[in-house]
Amino acid sequence: MNTAITLLATATTLSLCIAGDAQNAPASQGTDPFIEAVEAMKHSVAPLVCVAVNSAESIILDRRGTAFFLSTSGEFMTAAHVVLDMSKNDPPCPVTAVILPHNKIWDPSALNEPSDWLAFNIRNCVIETDLDLAKCPLSADPFNQKVVRDFEIVPVKFDWSIPPDATQVAFTGFPMKVRDPMTFRANLSAYRPVWRREKGVPELILDRSAWPGSSGSPVFLSDGKVVGIVIASSTEEGTAMTAVRPASVVRALLAGREKK
């Protein structure tokens, strides 16, 4: 089986620029600590996709959300609702996978970007529905073992503390089914509990909305440490905000102590 697939750049013109490692570093790199953190985070994120496979080729059917890596072996975290929606097969999702560029960097300037898909089985994920979090390993299947790529997976590092209100953060993901990662800046507006089945679940609120497909994106500080994960967004006029599950509540899940 040919392990490489070629992705076409989206023809949709977006008002925001998709930054990539291949671009020149902005002149403000020395003064804005987020610039370095954003470039590093591009090696820690991947889109979650549905793939159709036959003997001749692999075709990406849909892009569902964002994941970020917890280990160099490809174990990742995302929002639980993303993988649960993929499991419904509506529309069908023959192979669930993450995608990484075949070369060393994401290259938004390339019309055709060689990429590899790496399969995972949702049944092997640890899912916490109350937290809306999922932790999944890549599958130990023949395809994943054959993939040879130059792209380096860099696991994220966490900051378990709750940032103060007005802290500036960023989140990187694959909204609107884009091919290459996009990054957005926001401020932390509030920390609050929400109720799930009579249990208080901590939640952070950001002062901007996140586009569809951002669910599962890591939310990080200027030092690159992850403080949360995007789980929901409101885009209605006058209510633009994003809900984030703080890293402080996922330690048990990361340790594998939660039930599937």
Protein backbone atom coordinates (compact mmCIF):
# COMPACT_ATOMS: atom_id res chain seq x y z
CA MET A 1 0.00 0.00 0.00
CA ASN A 2 1.24 3.48 -0.80
CA THR A 3 1.62 5.14 2.57
CA ALA A 4 1.76 8.72 1.32
CA ILE A 5 -1.25 10.72 0.28
CA THR A 6 -1.35 14.09 -1.40
CA LEU A 7 -3.61 16.83 -0.10
CA LEU A 8 -4.80 19.74 -2.21
CA ALA A 9 -4.68 23.20 -0.71
CA THR A 10 -8.10 24.64 0.02
CA ALA A 11 -9.40 26.94 -2.68
CA THR A 12 -11.32 29.03 -0.18
CA THR A 13 -9.80 32.43 0.52
CA LEU A 14 -9.75 33.16 4.24
CA SER A 15 -9.42 36.58 5.76
CA LEU A 16 -6.81 35.26 8.18
CA CYS A 17 -3.37 34.11 7.10
CA ILE A 18 -2.46 30.48 7.72
CA ALA A 19 1.01 30.65 9.19
CA GLY A 20 3.47 27.89 8.51
CA ASP A 21 7.01 26.91 9.43
CA ALA A 22 8.05 27.66 5.87
CA GLN A 23 7.17 31.33 6.30
CA ASN A 24 9.74 33.87 7.36
CA ALA A 25 9.68 34.64 11.06
CA PRO A 26 8.10 38.04 11.82
CA ALA A 27 10.39 40.86 12.83
CA SER A 28 8.72 40.94 16.26
CA GLN A 29 9.92 37.44 17.10
CA GLY A 30 12.41 38.78 19.60
CA THR A 31 9.75 40.69 21.56
CA ASP A 32 6.63 38.53 21.28
CA PRO A 33 7.13 35.26 23.20
CA PHE A 34 4.07 33.71 21.56
CA ILE A 35 5.78 33.54 18.16
CA GLU A 36 8.23 30.85 19.23
CA ALA A 37 5.53 28.98 21.16
CA VAL A 38 3.20 28.93 18.13
CA GLU A 39 5.90 27.59 15.81
CA ALA A 40 6.70 24.83 18.31
CA MET A 41 3.02 23.94 18.77
CA LYS A 42 2.70 23.16 15.05
CA HIS A 43 4.71 20.00 15.78
CA SER A 44 2.22 18.97 18.47
CA VAL A 45 -1.11 19.17 16.63
CA ALA A 46 -2.85 17.18 13.89
CA PRO A 47 -6.29 17.08 12.26
CA LEU A 48 -8.66 14.19 12.91
CA VAL A 49 -9.93 12.78 9.63
CA CYS A 50 -12.03 10.07 8.02
CA VAL A 51 -10.19 8.09 5.34
CA ALA A 52 -11.42 5.74 2.63
CA VAL A 53 -8.84 3.13 1.61
CA ASN A 54 -8.61 0.85 -1.39
CA SER A 55 -5.73 -1.01 -2.99
CA ALA A 56 -4.77 1.92 -5.20
CA GLU A 57 -5.17 5.04 -3.10
CA SER A 58 -6.32 6.69 0.10
CA ILE A 59 -8.89 9.46 0.06
CA ILE A 60 -9.71 11.88 2.86
CA LEU A 61 -13.49 12.00 3.17
CA ASP A 62 -13.81 14.57 5.93
CA ARG A 63 -11.94 16.55 8.59
CA ARG A 64 -13.65 16.47 11.97
CA GLY A 65 -11.52 18.26 14.56
CA THR A 66 -8.12 18.76 16.17
CA ALA A 67 -5.85 16.61 18.32
CA PHE A 68 -2.60 17.27 20.16
CA PHE A 69 0.10 14.75 21.00
CA LEU A 70 0.96 13.45 24.46
CA SER A 71 3.87 11.22 23.42
CA THR A 72 6.31 10.73 20.56
CA SER A 73 4.55 7.43 19.78
CA GLY A 74 1.48 9.40 18.72
CA GLU A 75 -0.85 9.09 21.72
CA PHE A 76 -3.11 12.14 21.53
CA MET A 77 -5.89 14.03 23.27
CA THR A 78 -8.96 15.64 21.75
CA ALA A 79 -12.52 16.57 22.67
CA ALA A 80 -14.64 13.49 23.35
CA HIS A 81 -17.51 14.69 21.17
CA VAL A 82 -15.22 14.71 18.13
CA VAL A 83 -14.34 11.01 18.31
CA LEU A 84 -17.85 10.06 19.39
CA ASP A 85 -19.26 11.81 16.31
CA MET A 86 -16.74 9.93 14.15
CA SER A 87 -17.97 6.65 15.61
CA LYS A 88 -21.57 7.30 14.55
CA ASN A 89 -20.79 6.69 10.87
CA ASP A 90 -23.14 9.48 9.83
CA PRO A 91 -21.66 10.17 7.37
CA PRO A 92 -19.53 6.99 7.27
CA CYS A 93 -15.96 7.13 8.57
CA PRO A 94 -14.29 3.93 7.26
CA VAL A 95 -10.89 4.63 8.87
CA THR A 96 -10.37 7.11 11.70
CA ALA A 97 -6.95 8.73 11.55
CA VAL A 98 -4.72 11.71 12.19
CA ILE A 99 -2.72 13.33 9.40
CA LEU A 100 0.86 14.60 9.49
CA PRO A 101 2.96 16.15 6.73
CA HIS A 102 5.35 13.67 5.12
CA ASN A 103 8.13 16.27 5.17
CA LYS A 104 9.63 18.18 8.09
CA ILE A 105 7.09 21.01 8.21
CA TRP A 106 3.54 22.00 7.46
CA ASP A 107 3.86 23.91 4.19
CA PRO A 108 0.84 26.11 3.37
CA SER A 109 2.67 27.52 0.34
CA ALA A 110 2.63 24.11 -1.38
CA LEU A 111 -0.28 23.37 -3.71
CA ASN A 112 0.19 19.65 -3.15
CA GLU A 113 1.45 18.71 0.30
CA PRO A 114 2.54 15.06 0.70
CA SER A 115 1.07 13.72 3.92
CA ASP A 116 0.63 10.46 5.81
CA TRP A 117 -2.39 9.26 7.72
CA LEU A 118 -2.00 7.29 10.93
CA ALA A 119 -4.96 5.17 12.00
CA PHE A 120 -6.48 4.91 15.46
CA ASN A 121 -9.34 2.81 16.81
CA ILE A 122 -11.95 4.70 18.80
CA ARG A 123 -12.61 1.56 20.88
CA ASN A 124 -9.08 1.95 22.28
CA CYS A 125 -9.68 5.54 23.41
CA VAL A 126 -10.18 6.47 27.05
CA ILE A 127 -13.24 8.72 26.98
CA GLU A 128 -14.58 10.91 29.78
CA THR A 129 -17.92 12.26 28.59
CA ASP A 130 -18.51 14.57 31.56
CA LEU A 131 -15.22 16.34 30.87
CA ASP A 132 -15.66 16.03 27.09
CA LEU A 133 -12.13 14.65 26.81
CA ALA A 134 -10.66 11.65 25.02
CA LYS A 135 -7.18 10.12 25.05
CA CYS A 136 -6.36 7.80 22.16
CA PRO A 137 -3.35 5.73 21.07
CA LEU A 138 -2.47 5.13 17.44
CA SER A 139 -3.29 1.67 16.15
CA ALA A 140 -0.61 -1.02 16.03
CA ASP A 141 -1.56 -1.93 12.47
CA PRO A 142 0.61 -2.65 9.39
CA PHE A 143 -0.05 0.73 7.80
CA ASN A 144 1.17 2.75 10.78
CA GLN A 145 4.30 0.60 11.02
CA LYS A 146 5.21 1.28 7.39
CA VAL A 147 4.96 5.07 7.55
CA VAL A 148 8.36 6.71 7.24
CA ARG A 149 8.26 10.49 7.67
CA ASP A 150 10.59 13.36 8.45
CA PHE A 151 8.04 15.24 10.58
CA GLU A 152 8.93 15.22 14.28
CA ILE A 153 6.10 14.79 16.80
CA VAL A 154 6.70 16.99 19.85
CA PRO A 155 4.51 16.09 22.87
CA VAL A 156 2.95 19.04 24.66
CA LYS A 157 3.91 20.11 28.16
CA PHE A 158 1.23 21.11 30.66
CA ASP A 159 0.80 23.85 33.22
CA TRP A 160 -1.68 22.45 35.76
CA SER A 161 -2.48 25.80 37.37
CA ILE A 162 -5.53 27.94 36.56
CA PRO A 163 -4.36 31.15 34.85
CA PRO A 164 -5.67 34.45 36.28
CA ASP A 165 -8.46 36.28 34.45
CA ALA A 166 -7.20 38.42 31.53
CA THR A 167 -4.25 36.09 30.88
CA GLN A 168 -3.41 36.04 27.18
CA VAL A 169 -3.44 32.61 25.55
CA ALA A 170 -3.38 31.10 22.08
CA PHE A 171 -4.90 28.00 20.54
CA THR A 172 -3.76 26.14 17.43
CA GLY A 173 -5.90 23.78 15.38
CA PHE A 174 -7.58 22.95 12.09
CA PRO A 175 -10.86 24.88 11.90
CA MET A 176 -13.12 25.01 8.84
CA LYS A 177 -11.51 21.83 7.45
CA VAL A 178 -8.26 23.67 6.57
CA ARG A 179 -5.23 21.62 5.60
CA ASP A 180 -2.57 23.41 7.66
CA PRO A 181 -2.67 24.61 11.29
CA MET A 182 -4.07 28.00 12.24
CA THR A 183 -3.44 29.90 15.48
CA PHE A 184 -5.69 32.37 17.29
CA ARG A 185 -5.03 34.64 20.26
CA ALA A 186 -7.51 35.27 23.07
CA ASN A 187 -7.78 36.38 26.67
CA LEU A 188 -9.08 34.34 29.58
CA SER A 189 -12.35 35.91 30.67
CA ALA A 190 -13.42 33.71 33.55
CA TYR A 191 -13.05 30.48 35.45
CA ARG A 192 -16.33 28.83 36.41
CA PRO A 193 -17.88 25.45 37.18
CA VAL A 194 -20.56 23.94 34.97
CA TRP A 195 -22.80 21.08 36.04
CA ARG A 196 -22.69 17.65 34.43
CA ARG A 197 -24.98 15.03 36.01
CA GLU A 198 -24.94 16.82 39.37
CA LYS A 199 -21.16 17.15 39.31
CA GLY A 200 -19.32 20.45 39.01
CA VAL A 201 -16.85 20.48 36.11
CA PRO A 202 -14.31 23.32 35.91
CA GLU A 203 -14.35 25.41 32.76
CA LEU A 204 -12.40 28.37 31.37
CA ILE A 205 -14.01 30.98 29.12
CA LEU A 206 -12.12 32.81 26.37
CA ASP A 207 -13.19 36.18 24.99
CA ARG A 208 -13.41 35.09 21.35
CA SER A 209 -15.18 32.39 19.40
CA ALA A 210 -13.48 29.36 17.87
CA TRP A 211 -14.46 28.19 14.39
CA PRO A 212 -15.91 24.71 13.79
CA GLY A 213 -13.13 22.13 13.72
CA SER A 214 -11.25 23.82 16.57
CA SER A 215 -12.60 21.35 19.14
CA GLY A 216 -9.64 19.52 20.65
CA SER A 217 -7.20 22.36 20.05
CA PRO A 218 -4.62 22.94 22.80
CA VAL A 219 -4.84 26.29 24.61
CA PHE A 220 -1.39 27.45 25.67
CA LEU A 221 0.55 30.25 27.34
CA SER A 222 3.40 32.27 25.86
CA ASP A 223 5.88 29.70 27.21
CA GLY A 224 4.14 27.00 25.15
CA LYS A 225 2.68 25.10 28.10
CA VAL A 226 -0.88 23.85 27.64
CA VAL A 227 -3.46 25.07 30.16
CA GLY A 228 -6.59 23.70 28.50
CA ILE A 229 -8.38 22.19 25.52
CA VAL A 230 -11.08 23.78 23.35
CA ILE A 231 -14.41 21.96 23.78
CA ALA A 232 -17.16 24.35 22.59
CA SER A 233 -17.79 27.78 21.12
CA SER A 234 -20.60 30.27 20.73
CA THR A 235 -20.59 32.35 17.55
CA GLU A 236 -23.85 34.24 18.01
CA GLU A 237 -23.56 38.00 17.70
CA GLY A 238 -22.74 39.55 21.04
CA THR A 239 -21.91 36.20 22.66
CA ALA A 240 -18.68 35.22 20.93
CA MET A 241 -16.78 33.07 23.42
CA THR A 242 -15.08 29.69 23.71
CA ALA A 243 -15.34 27.09 26.46
CA VAL A 244 -12.10 25.39 27.48
CA ARG A 245 -11.56 22.43 29.78
CA PRO A 246 -8.61 23.34 32.03
CA ALA A 247 -5.61 21.05 32.16
CA SER A 248 -5.95 20.89 35.93
CA VAL A 249 -8.92 18.49 35.65
CA VAL A 250 -7.43 16.04 33.15
CA ARG A 251 -4.53 14.66 35.18
CA ALA A 252 -6.40 11.48 36.09
CA LEU A 253 -7.34 10.93 32.45
CA LEU A 254 -3.76 11.43 31.34
CA ALA A 255 -2.69 8.84 33.91
CA GLY A 256 -5.24 6.39 32.47
CA ARG A 257 -7.24 6.15 35.68
CA GLU A 258 -10.59 7.12 34.16
CA LYS A 259 -13.02 4.53 32.82
CA LYS A 260 -13.60 4.18 29.11
